[in-house]
């Protein structure tokens, strides 16, 4: 049950101007931000309406000519300063994140490092989109390709990684020469406002970075309909991604959509089973399972199925639940709707014959938003959890017999973000990595992400890539120049 007691945060966060933030655009009331671990009030934040959303685009559009014309070296210098300030404020940013998102403090610190890495990467990458020559097919003609920033970019970010998803998008867009309007999730506006403060201190000119807090349908609806917004980058559910796709059609925006995932985790006989179990725990329970990369469907080869089930359940049973500042293995889920989904998926699977090996319920000792890390065995493909993104700490295990069978079952999804494979057979690894219809495939490991890699999926898991050189190119257009000196 929510209450109105204040969740204590160090006074220095307010003293340094990082908390709370009022926003820069016309306000339309205030919004409460609560700690999901306690229900306590973390802060009150001013919110904007459609007028504020338009004002942000006005500011970004006005700032675009000078920012895009600035020497890349100068843009890179400002990005480097932003990177340094983020790292300098690492502990403060982590505390803010715990207070509004709930993840363990060690994970929050790791996210700040991850977020900063994108800023450093794109500060360097901003120097590299050089003019390219083209071998002429016409007599007396010279040909060049220029990469130019598309214009104002709208960035819509989720609550599960409230800092990293901003920097992954914003650093690329800014490095390319775009100006940005940012709308963070209503659950986690404080991290976005703190990053905006640090961006201002880094020296971004007025209007280059604009953060707008408020109702998503109102704010983003203005941006999708505004032809001055030339690109839109969104991370979130496939359902919302489809909506933004439709809303952006009339203005033909450049879209980068990082949408839902339903990752298969495939374990073959002959693999390093101890490693597979350890990696399975990471793949499922990081960020309390609230991760689009989180493994959802575990397909285990029949010869090792029983052994894997026993070892995995034993490992999961040792995981601890605690508020973020106590740094347990898992923190709370973000809201009661997330809890309801875990309860429904467990109940549905059990009704269809699944067995609960550990967990399976809300942890009343910790609070209403804490769900026990859960392992379900013998889950049929007809269960909802095998078809829908759970986005929580529930692992569904199922047995398979043949390679062709598991490939077919793993690919039988509208999602195609990431797949995990555990095998020591090099020929099998080659066949699986080619056959799996996923934008990223991790073999015998879990962590695959980072600033230098192109993050993204296939099918309805998204459009485009974030990170790497491709992440910067998403915010540019190619201009072809054909020149005759005669």
Protein backbone atom coordinates (compact mmCIF):
# COMPACT_ATOMS: atom_id res chain seq x y z
CA UNK A 1 0.00 0.00 0.00
CA UNK A 2 1.38 3.40 -0.95
CA UNK A 3 1.95 6.01 1.72
CA UNK A 4 3.15 9.58 1.75
CA UNK A 5 6.22 9.28 3.94
CA UNK A 6 9.32 10.75 2.37
CA UNK A 7 11.94 8.30 1.16
CA UNK A 8 15.18 9.79 2.48
CA UNK A 9 17.71 10.90 -0.09
CA UNK A 10 20.97 12.70 0.63
CA UNK A 11 20.46 16.45 0.93
CA UNK A 12 23.36 17.01 -1.44
CA UNK A 13 21.21 15.86 -4.35
CA UNK A 14 18.93 18.84 -3.84
CA UNK A 15 21.80 21.12 -2.84
CA UNK A 16 23.62 20.29 -6.07
CA UNK A 17 20.51 20.92 -8.14
CA UNK A 18 20.07 17.30 -9.24
CA UNK A 19 16.77 16.79 -7.37
CA UNK A 20 13.97 17.57 -7.80
CA UNK A 21 13.69 19.10 -11.24
CA UNK A 22 10.97 21.46 -12.38
CA UNK A 23 11.61 21.21 -16.11
CA UNK A 24 12.23 24.03 -18.54
CA UNK A 25 8.89 24.21 -20.33
CA UNK A 26 5.39 25.40 -19.41
CA UNK A 27 4.13 23.37 -16.44
CA UNK A 28 0.72 21.78 -16.07
CA UNK A 29 0.66 20.44 -12.53
CA UNK A 30 2.93 18.12 -10.59
CA UNK A 31 3.56 14.40 -10.48
CA UNK A 32 4.56 12.21 -7.56
CA UNK A 33 7.58 9.94 -7.93
CA UNK A 34 7.57 6.99 -5.53
CA UNK A 35 10.07 4.44 -4.32
CA UNK A 36 8.76 1.04 -5.51
CA UNK A 37 10.41 -0.70 -2.54
CA UNK A 38 8.47 1.24 0.09
CA UNK A 39 5.76 3.19 -1.69
CA UNK A 40 7.26 6.29 -0.11
CA UNK A 41 7.25 9.66 -1.83
CA UNK A 42 10.63 10.36 -3.42
CA UNK A 43 9.88 13.71 -5.07
CA UNK A 44 7.26 15.91 -6.72
CA UNK A 45 8.08 16.88 -10.31
CA UNK A 46 6.49 19.56 -12.47
CA UNK A 47 4.90 18.15 -15.59
CA UNK A 48 4.25 19.74 -18.96
CA UNK A 49 1.36 19.53 -21.39
CA UNK A 50 1.04 19.82 -25.17
CA UNK A 51 2.14 23.46 -24.97
CA UNK A 52 5.36 22.39 -23.27
CA UNK A 53 5.92 19.66 -25.85
CA UNK A 54 5.63 22.19 -28.68
CA UNK A 55 7.89 24.63 -26.86
CA UNK A 56 10.57 21.94 -26.65
CA UNK A 57 10.43 21.40 -30.40
CA UNK A 58 10.54 25.17 -30.96
CA UNK A 59 13.72 25.33 -28.88
CA UNK A 60 15.31 22.33 -30.59
CA UNK A 61 14.46 23.61 -34.05
CA UNK A 62 15.90 27.04 -33.28
CA UNK A 63 19.12 25.51 -31.95
CA UNK A 64 19.59 23.04 -34.79
CA UNK A 65 21.31 25.25 -37.42
CA UNK A 66 24.12 26.34 -35.12
CA UNK A 67 24.56 22.92 -33.48
CA UNK A 68 24.64 21.02 -36.76
CA UNK A 69 27.10 23.54 -38.23
CA UNK A 70 29.43 23.31 -35.25
CA UNK A 71 32.73 21.57 -35.95
CA UNK A 72 32.49 17.91 -34.92
CA UNK A 73 35.53 18.42 -32.71
CA UNK A 74 33.62 21.03 -30.70
CA UNK A 75 30.56 18.79 -30.33
CA UNK A 76 32.90 16.00 -29.22
CA UNK A 77 34.45 18.23 -26.56
CA UNK A 78 31.03 18.94 -25.04
CA UNK A 79 30.14 15.25 -25.11
CA UNK A 80 33.41 14.42 -23.35
CA UNK A 81 32.57 16.97 -20.64
CA UNK A 82 29.11 15.39 -20.22
CA UNK A 83 30.78 11.97 -19.88
CA UNK A 84 33.13 13.26 -17.19
CA UNK A 85 30.29 14.88 -15.24
CA UNK A 86 28.21 11.70 -15.35
CA UNK A 87 31.09 9.69 -13.91
CA UNK A 88 31.76 12.37 -11.31
CA UNK A 89 28.11 12.17 -10.22
CA UNK A 90 28.04 8.35 -10.41
CA UNK A 91 27.01 7.74 -6.81
CA UNK A 92 24.37 10.47 -6.82
CA UNK A 93 22.86 9.23 -10.07
CA UNK A 94 22.80 5.68 -8.71
CA UNK A 95 21.00 6.81 -5.56
CA UNK A 96 18.41 8.66 -7.63
CA UNK A 97 17.85 5.57 -9.75
CA UNK A 98 17.35 3.30 -6.75
CA UNK A 99 14.85 5.72 -5.24
CA UNK A 100 12.65 5.81 -8.34
CA UNK A 101 13.32 2.50 -10.11
CA UNK A 102 14.19 0.16 -7.24
CA UNK A 103 17.07 -1.86 -8.68
CA UNK A 104 19.90 -2.92 -6.34
CA UNK A 105 22.48 -0.19 -5.79
CA UNK A 106 25.27 -2.27 -7.36
CA UNK A 107 23.19 -2.66 -10.54
CA UNK A 108 22.43 1.07 -10.50
CA UNK A 109 26.12 1.92 -10.30
CA UNK A 110 26.77 -0.46 -13.16
CA UNK A 111 24.10 1.24 -15.23
CA UNK A 112 25.70 4.65 -14.70
CA UNK A 113 28.99 3.29 -16.01
CA UNK A 114 27.13 1.73 -18.95
CA UNK A 115 25.30 5.01 -19.63
CA UNK A 116 28.53 7.00 -19.54
CA UNK A 117 30.19 4.60 -21.99
CA UNK A 118 27.79 5.64 -24.76
CA UNK A 119 28.64 9.30 -24.29
CA UNK A 120 32.36 8.57 -24.48
CA UNK A 121 31.89 6.34 -27.54
CA UNK A 122 29.85 8.86 -29.51
CA UNK A 123 32.16 11.72 -28.56
CA UNK A 124 34.76 9.84 -30.61
CA UNK A 125 32.38 8.54 -33.28
CA UNK A 126 31.17 12.09 -33.92
CA UNK A 127 34.51 12.76 -35.62
CA UNK A 128 34.18 9.94 -38.15
CA UNK A 129 31.24 10.50 -40.55
CA UNK A 130 33.57 11.83 -43.25
CA UNK A 131 32.71 12.68 -46.82
CA UNK A 132 33.05 9.60 -49.03
CA UNK A 133 34.16 9.60 -52.63
CA UNK A 134 32.33 7.61 -55.31
CA UNK A 135 33.99 6.26 -58.44
CA UNK A 136 32.32 8.23 -61.21
CA UNK A 137 30.39 6.46 -63.95
CA UNK A 138 29.91 9.78 -65.82
CA UNK A 139 32.61 11.61 -67.77
CA UNK A 140 34.00 14.79 -66.18
CA UNK A 141 31.86 14.34 -63.03
CA UNK A 142 32.97 14.22 -59.41
CA UNK A 143 30.80 12.41 -56.89
CA UNK A 144 30.63 12.61 -53.11
CA UNK A 145 28.43 11.30 -50.33
CA UNK A 146 27.86 13.49 -47.30
CA UNK A 147 26.24 12.43 -44.04
CA UNK A 148 24.10 15.22 -42.62
CA UNK A 149 22.05 15.27 -39.39
CA UNK A 150 18.36 14.73 -39.96
CA UNK A 151 17.20 17.54 -37.66
CA UNK A 152 15.25 17.41 -34.39
CA UNK A 153 15.14 13.91 -32.88
CA UNK A 154 12.52 12.79 -30.36
CA UNK A 155 13.76 10.24 -27.84
CA UNK A 156 11.26 8.24 -25.77
CA UNK A 157 12.84 6.15 -23.03
CA UNK A 158 11.67 3.44 -20.59
CA UNK A 159 11.84 3.04 -16.82
CA UNK A 160 13.96 -0.12 -16.57
CA UNK A 161 17.21 1.56 -17.66
CA UNK A 162 16.40 5.24 -17.01
CA UNK A 163 19.93 6.57 -17.59
CA UNK A 164 21.46 4.23 -20.17
CA UNK A 165 18.54 4.41 -22.59
CA UNK A 166 18.79 8.20 -22.63
CA UNK A 167 22.53 8.34 -23.25
CA UNK A 168 22.48 5.54 -25.85
CA UNK A 169 20.02 7.56 -27.92
CA UNK A 170 21.00 11.12 -27.08
CA UNK A 171 24.77 10.77 -27.42
CA UNK A 172 24.35 9.27 -30.89
CA UNK A 173 21.89 11.93 -32.03
CA UNK A 174 23.94 14.77 -30.57
CA UNK A 175 27.15 13.41 -31.99
CA UNK A 176 25.53 13.29 -35.42
CA UNK A 177 24.58 16.98 -35.11
CA UNK A 178 20.90 16.61 -34.22
CA UNK A 179 19.14 18.44 -31.43
CA UNK A 180 16.91 16.34 -29.15
CA UNK A 181 13.63 16.39 -27.27
CA UNK A 182 13.48 13.70 -24.59
CA UNK A 183 10.47 12.15 -22.89
CA UNK A 184 11.35 9.71 -20.09
CA UNK A 185 8.96 7.28 -18.48
CA UNK A 186 6.60 8.72 -15.86
CA UNK A 187 7.97 6.18 -13.36
CA UNK A 188 11.55 7.46 -13.64
CA UNK A 189 11.72 11.17 -14.53
CA UNK A 190 14.35 12.06 -11.92
CA UNK A 191 17.22 10.28 -13.66
CA UNK A 192 16.36 12.09 -16.89
CA UNK A 193 16.23 15.47 -15.17
CA UNK A 194 19.57 14.84 -13.46
CA UNK A 195 21.18 13.95 -16.78
CA UNK A 196 19.72 17.12 -18.28
CA UNK A 197 21.28 19.20 -15.49
CA UNK A 198 24.66 17.61 -16.18
CA UNK A 199 24.23 18.18 -19.93
CA UNK A 200 23.63 21.87 -19.29
CA UNK A 201 26.73 22.04 -17.10
CA UNK A 202 28.73 20.30 -19.83
CA UNK A 203 28.05 23.24 -22.14
CA UNK A 204 25.38 22.11 -24.58
CA UNK A 205 23.91 25.34 -25.99
CA UNK A 206 20.36 26.28 -25.07
CA UNK A 207 17.78 24.28 -26.99
CA UNK A 208 20.08 21.42 -27.95
CA UNK A 209 18.95 19.06 -25.15
CA UNK A 210 15.32 19.40 -24.03
CA UNK A 211 13.64 17.14 -21.47
CA UNK A 212 9.86 17.16 -21.11
CA UNK A 213 8.04 15.36 -18.29
CA UNK A 214 4.33 14.61 -18.55
CA UNK A 215 1.65 12.36 -19.94
CA UNK A 216 3.18 10.19 -22.67
CA UNK A 217 0.17 10.24 -24.98
CA UNK A 218 0.02 14.04 -24.83
CA UNK A 219 3.74 14.80 -25.14
CA UNK A 220 4.67 12.16 -27.69
CA UNK A 221 1.47 12.72 -29.65
CA UNK A 222 2.56 16.30 -30.31
CA UNK A 223 5.98 15.11 -31.48
CA UNK A 224 4.77 12.35 -33.81
CA UNK A 225 2.50 14.86 -35.54
CA UNK A 226 5.11 17.62 -35.86
CA UNK A 227 6.93 17.57 -39.22
CA UNK A 228 9.87 19.42 -37.66
CA UNK A 229 10.64 16.27 -35.65
CA UNK A 230 12.51 14.31 -38.30
CA UNK A 231 13.51 11.23 -36.27
CA UNK A 232 11.96 9.30 -33.42
CA UNK A 233 13.76 6.74 -31.28
CA UNK A 234 11.73 4.65 -28.85
CA UNK A 235 12.52 1.85 -26.42
CA UNK A 236 9.54 0.02 -24.96
CA UNK A 237 6.84 -2.48 -25.69
CA UNK A 238 6.02 -3.77 -29.16
CA UNK A 239 2.42 -2.66 -28.64
CA UNK A 240 3.42 0.97 -28.11
CA UNK A 241 6.01 0.72 -30.88
CA UNK A 242 3.29 -0.22 -33.35
CA UNK A 243 1.27 2.80 -32.23
CA UNK A 244 4.21 5.18 -32.72
CA UNK A 245 4.88 3.62 -36.11
CA UNK A 246 1.33 4.46 -37.18
CA UNK A 247 1.39 7.94 -35.66
CA UNK A 248 4.67 8.79 -37.41
CA UNK A 249 3.49 7.72 -40.85
CA UNK A 250 1.96 11.04 -41.90
CA UNK A 251 5.22 12.90 -41.33
CA UNK A 252 7.42 10.04 -42.62
CA UNK A 253 9.88 10.14 -39.74
CA UNK A 254 13.12 8.23 -39.44
CA UNK A 255 12.32 5.55 -36.85
CA UNK A 256 14.52 3.58 -34.49
CA UNK A 257 12.37 1.20 -32.46
CA UNK A 258 13.84 -1.07 -29.79
CA UNK A 259 10.82 -3.13 -28.81
CA UNK A 260 9.90 -6.22 -26.84
CA UNK A 261 11.83 -9.43 -26.46
CA UNK A 262 11.01 -13.03 -25.61
CA UNK A 263 14.45 -14.56 -25.47
CA UNK A 264 14.94 -18.32 -25.74
CA UNK A 265 17.71 -19.84 -23.61
CA UNK A 266 18.78 -23.15 -25.19
CA UNK A 267 20.89 -25.71 -23.35
CA UNK A 268 22.31 -28.75 -25.18
CA UNK A 269 23.81 -31.91 -23.72
CA UNK A 270 27.57 -31.80 -23.59
CA UNK A 271 27.74 -28.12 -22.63
CA UNK A 272 29.38 -26.87 -19.44
CA UNK A 273 26.28 -27.32 -17.30
CA UNK A 274 27.64 -25.39 -14.31
CA UNK A 275 28.30 -22.41 -16.56
CA UNK A 276 24.91 -22.77 -18.24
CA UNK A 277 23.18 -22.63 -14.86
CA UNK A 278 25.18 -19.60 -13.73
CA UNK A 279 24.53 -17.77 -16.99
CA UNK A 280 20.83 -18.69 -16.86
CA UNK A 281 20.53 -16.98 -13.49
CA UNK A 282 22.12 -13.83 -14.95
CA UNK A 283 20.01 -13.96 -18.10
CA UNK A 284 16.74 -14.23 -16.18
CA UNK A 285 17.11 -12.29 -12.95
CA UNK A 286 19.19 -9.19 -13.71
CA UNK A 287 17.13 -6.03 -13.14
CA UNK A 288 14.67 -8.32 -11.31
CA UNK A 289 13.78 -9.82 -14.67
CA UNK A 290 12.64 -6.42 -15.99
CA UNK A 291 14.84 -6.43 -19.07
CA UNK A 292 13.98 -6.86 -22.73
CA UNK A 293 17.08 -9.07 -22.99
CA UNK A 294 15.86 -11.25 -20.14
CA UNK A 295 15.58 -14.96 -20.94
CA UNK A 296 11.94 -15.99 -20.85
CA UNK A 297 11.75 -19.47 -22.39
CA UNK A 298 14.30 -22.06 -21.28
CA UNK A 299 14.59 -25.02 -23.65
CA UNK A 300 16.66 -27.82 -22.11
CA UNK A 301 17.90 -30.92 -23.95
CA UNK A 302 16.22 -34.05 -22.54
CA UNK A 303 19.47 -35.83 -21.50
CA UNK A 304 20.33 -32.96 -19.10
CA UNK A 305 16.83 -31.66 -18.34
CA UNK A 306 16.37 -33.09 -14.86
CA UNK A 307 19.91 -32.19 -13.81
CA UNK A 308 19.58 -28.62 -15.11
CA UNK A 309 16.19 -28.17 -13.42
CA UNK A 310 17.57 -29.25 -10.05
CA UNK A 311 20.74 -27.15 -10.26
CA UNK A 312 18.96 -24.07 -11.59
CA UNK A 313 16.20 -24.20 -8.97
CA UNK A 314 18.81 -24.59 -6.22
CA UNK A 315 20.74 -21.56 -7.50
CA UNK A 316 17.59 -19.44 -7.80
CA UNK A 317 16.46 -20.45 -4.33
CA UNK A 318 19.59 -18.74 -2.94
CA UNK A 319 18.79 -15.36 -4.51
CA UNK A 320 17.85 -12.62 -2.07
CA UNK A 321 15.14 -9.97 -2.25
CA UNK A 322 15.74 -6.56 -0.69
CA UNK A 323 15.20 -2.83 -1.19
CA UNK A 324 17.77 -1.38 -3.55
CA UNK A 325 19.96 0.25 -0.92
CA UNK A 326 20.31 -3.10 0.87
CA UNK A 327 21.75 -4.49 -2.38
CA UNK A 328 20.06 -7.86 -2.55
CA UNK A 329 20.12 -9.91 -5.73
CA UNK A 330 16.68 -8.62 -6.76
CA UNK A 331 14.73 -5.49 -5.92
CA UNK A 332 11.02 -4.70 -6.28
CA UNK A 333 9.08 -4.68 -9.52
CA UNK A 334 8.13 -1.28 -10.85
CA UNK A 335 4.37 -1.28 -10.15
CA UNK A 336 1.37 -3.44 -9.26
CA UNK A 337 0.63 -4.22 -12.91
CA UNK A 338 3.98 -5.97 -13.16
CA UNK A 339 3.12 -8.04 -10.10
CA UNK A 340 -0.26 -8.94 -11.55
CA UNK A 341 1.42 -10.24 -14.70
CA UNK A 342 3.74 -12.54 -12.74
CA UNK A 343 0.82 -13.91 -10.74
CA UNK A 344 -1.22 -14.51 -13.89
CA UNK A 345 1.61 -16.21 -15.79
CA UNK A 346 2.42 -18.55 -12.91
CA UNK A 347 -1.23 -19.46 -12.37
CA UNK A 348 -1.79 -20.09 -16.07
CA UNK A 349 1.30 -22.30 -16.40
CA UNK A 350 0.42 -24.33 -13.33
CA UNK A 351 -3.13 -24.79 -14.58
CA UNK A 352 -1.63 -26.29 -17.74
CA UNK A 353 0.57 -28.77 -15.90
CA UNK A 354 3.72 -26.84 -14.96
CA UNK A 355 5.47 -27.51 -11.66
CA UNK A 356 6.75 -24.78 -9.32
CA UNK A 357 10.30 -25.68 -8.35
CA UNK A 358 10.88 -22.57 -6.27
CA UNK A 359 9.13 -19.25 -5.61
CA UNK A 360 5.82 -18.56 -7.26
CA UNK A 361 4.31 -15.80 -5.13
CA UNK A 362 4.58 -12.26 -3.85
CA UNK A 363 7.05 -11.94 -0.98
CA UNK A 364 4.86 -10.36 1.68
CA UNK A 365 7.77 -9.94 4.08
CA UNK A 366 9.46 -7.45 1.74
CA UNK A 367 6.42 -5.64 0.40
CA UNK A 368 3.68 -5.76 -2.22
CA UNK A 369 5.98 -5.15 -5.20
CA UNK A 370 8.47 -7.91 -4.41
CA UNK A 371 7.94 -11.16 -6.30
CA UNK A 372 9.86 -14.28 -5.38
CA UNK A 373 12.39 -15.46 -7.97
CA UNK A 374 10.51 -18.33 -9.53
CA UNK A 375 11.30 -21.45 -11.57
CA UNK A 376 8.58 -23.36 -13.40
CA UNK A 377 9.30 -26.79 -14.93
CA UNK A 378 7.42 -28.74 -17.61
CA UNK A 379 5.84 -25.61 -19.06
CA UNK A 380 3.87 -26.33 -22.26
CA UNK A 381 4.16 -24.11 -25.31
CA UNK A 382 0.48 -23.24 -24.93
CA UNK A 383 1.12 -21.41 -21.65
CA UNK A 384 0.96 -17.60 -21.81
CA UNK A 385 4.48 -17.26 -20.44
CA UNK A 386 5.83 -19.11 -23.50
CA UNK A 387 4.20 -16.57 -25.82
CA UNK A 388 4.19 -13.27 -23.90
CA UNK A 389 6.94 -11.16 -22.40
CA UNK A 390 6.84 -11.72 -18.63
CA UNK A 391 9.17 -8.86 -17.69
CA UNK A 392 9.68 -10.24 -14.22
CA UNK A 393 11.53 -12.90 -12.19
CA UNK A 394 9.74 -16.02 -13.49
CA UNK A 395 11.69 -18.61 -15.52
CA UNK A 396 9.77 -21.15 -17.61
CA UNK A 397 11.58 -24.45 -18.36
CA UNK A 398 10.64 -26.90 -21.09
CA UNK A 399 12.30 -30.03 -22.50
CA UNK A 400 13.27 -30.64 -26.14
CA UNK A 401 14.61 -33.64 -28.03
CA UNK A 402 16.13 -32.51 -31.33
CA UNK A 403 18.01 -29.54 -32.74
CA UNK A 404 15.45 -28.93 -35.48
CA UNK A 405 12.65 -29.01 -32.92
CA UNK A 406 14.19 -26.41 -30.64
CA UNK A 407 15.04 -24.09 -33.53
CA UNK A 408 11.44 -24.23 -34.69
CA UNK A 409 10.07 -23.59 -31.21
CA UNK A 410 12.53 -20.78 -30.49
CA UNK A 411 11.65 -19.04 -33.76
CA UNK A 412 7.89 -19.43 -33.28
CA UNK A 413 7.53 -15.91 -31.89
CA UNK A 414 6.79 -12.42 -33.17
CA UNK A 415 9.85 -11.32 -31.20
CA UNK A 416 13.45 -11.57 -32.38
CA UNK A 417 15.72 -9.55 -30.08
CA UNK A 418 18.22 -11.95 -28.48
CA UNK A 419 18.73 -15.69 -28.10
CA UNK A 420 21.07 -17.59 -25.77
CA UNK A 421 22.74 -20.88 -26.72
CA UNK A 422 24.87 -23.20 -24.59
CA UNK A 423 26.82 -25.85 -26.46
CA UNK A 424 30.46 -26.91 -26.92
CA UNK A 425 29.89 -28.39 -30.39
CA UNK A 426 31.28 -25.86 -32.93
CA UNK A 427 29.21 -27.20 -35.81
CA UNK A 428 26.03 -27.02 -33.74
CA UNK A 429 26.90 -23.50 -32.62
CA UNK A 430 27.32 -22.46 -36.26
CA UNK A 431 23.99 -24.00 -37.28
CA UNK A 432 22.13 -22.41 -34.36
CA UNK A 433 23.58 -18.93 -34.77
CA UNK A 434 22.61 -18.97 -38.44
CA UNK A 435 19.15 -20.49 -37.98
CA UNK A 436 17.88 -18.47 -35.01
CA UNK A 437 15.86 -15.46 -36.17
CA UNK A 438 17.24 -12.99 -33.64
CA UNK A 439 19.21 -9.80 -34.02
CA UNK A 440 21.70 -10.90 -31.35
CA UNK A 441 22.83 -14.39 -30.35
CA UNK A 442 24.90 -15.04 -27.22
CA UNK A 443 26.86 -18.29 -27.11
CA UNK A 444 27.94 -19.69 -23.73
CA UNK A 445 27.55 -16.28 -22.11
CA UNK A 446 24.92 -13.69 -21.18
CA UNK A 447 26.41 -10.22 -21.42
CA UNK A 448 26.69 -9.11 -25.03
CA UNK A 449 25.80 -5.42 -24.96
CA UNK A 450 28.02 -2.35 -24.94
CA UNK A 451 28.58 0.91 -26.76
CA UNK A 452 30.56 -0.60 -29.69
CA UNK A 453 27.89 -3.15 -30.72
CA UNK A 454 24.77 -2.58 -32.85
CA UNK A 455 21.91 -3.36 -30.46
CA UNK A 456 18.60 -4.34 -32.03
CA UNK A 457 16.28 -7.10 -33.11
CA UNK A 458 14.43 -8.73 -35.96
CA UNK A 459 10.74 -9.15 -36.66
CA UNK A 460 8.56 -7.20 -34.21
CA UNK A 461 11.42 -6.59 -31.79
CA UNK A 462 12.25 -3.41 -33.61
CA UNK A 463 13.66 -1.37 -36.46
CA UNK A 464 17.21 -0.11 -36.74
CA UNK A 465 20.18 -0.39 -34.40
CA UNK A 466 21.47 1.53 -31.38
CA UNK A 467 25.10 1.68 -30.37
CA UNK A 468 28.10 1.27 -32.66
CA UNK A 469 28.59 3.25 -35.85
CA UNK A 470 25.10 2.26 -36.96
CA UNK A 471 23.59 4.08 -33.98
CA UNK A 472 25.00 7.40 -35.15
CA UNK A 473 24.08 6.77 -38.78
CA UNK A 474 20.44 6.33 -37.76
CA UNK A 475 20.32 10.09 -37.13
CA UNK A 476 21.83 11.10 -40.45
CA UNK A 477 20.73 11.36 -44.07
CA UNK A 478 23.00 10.66 -47.03
CA UNK A 479 23.34 13.52 -49.50
CA UNK A 480 24.78 12.65 -52.90
CA UNK A 481 26.68 15.39 -54.74
CA UNK A 482 27.41 15.11 -58.48
CA UNK A 483 29.65 17.97 -59.62
CA UNK A 484 30.91 19.07 -63.05
CA UNK A 485 33.47 21.86 -63.09
CA UNK A 486 32.88 22.75 -66.76
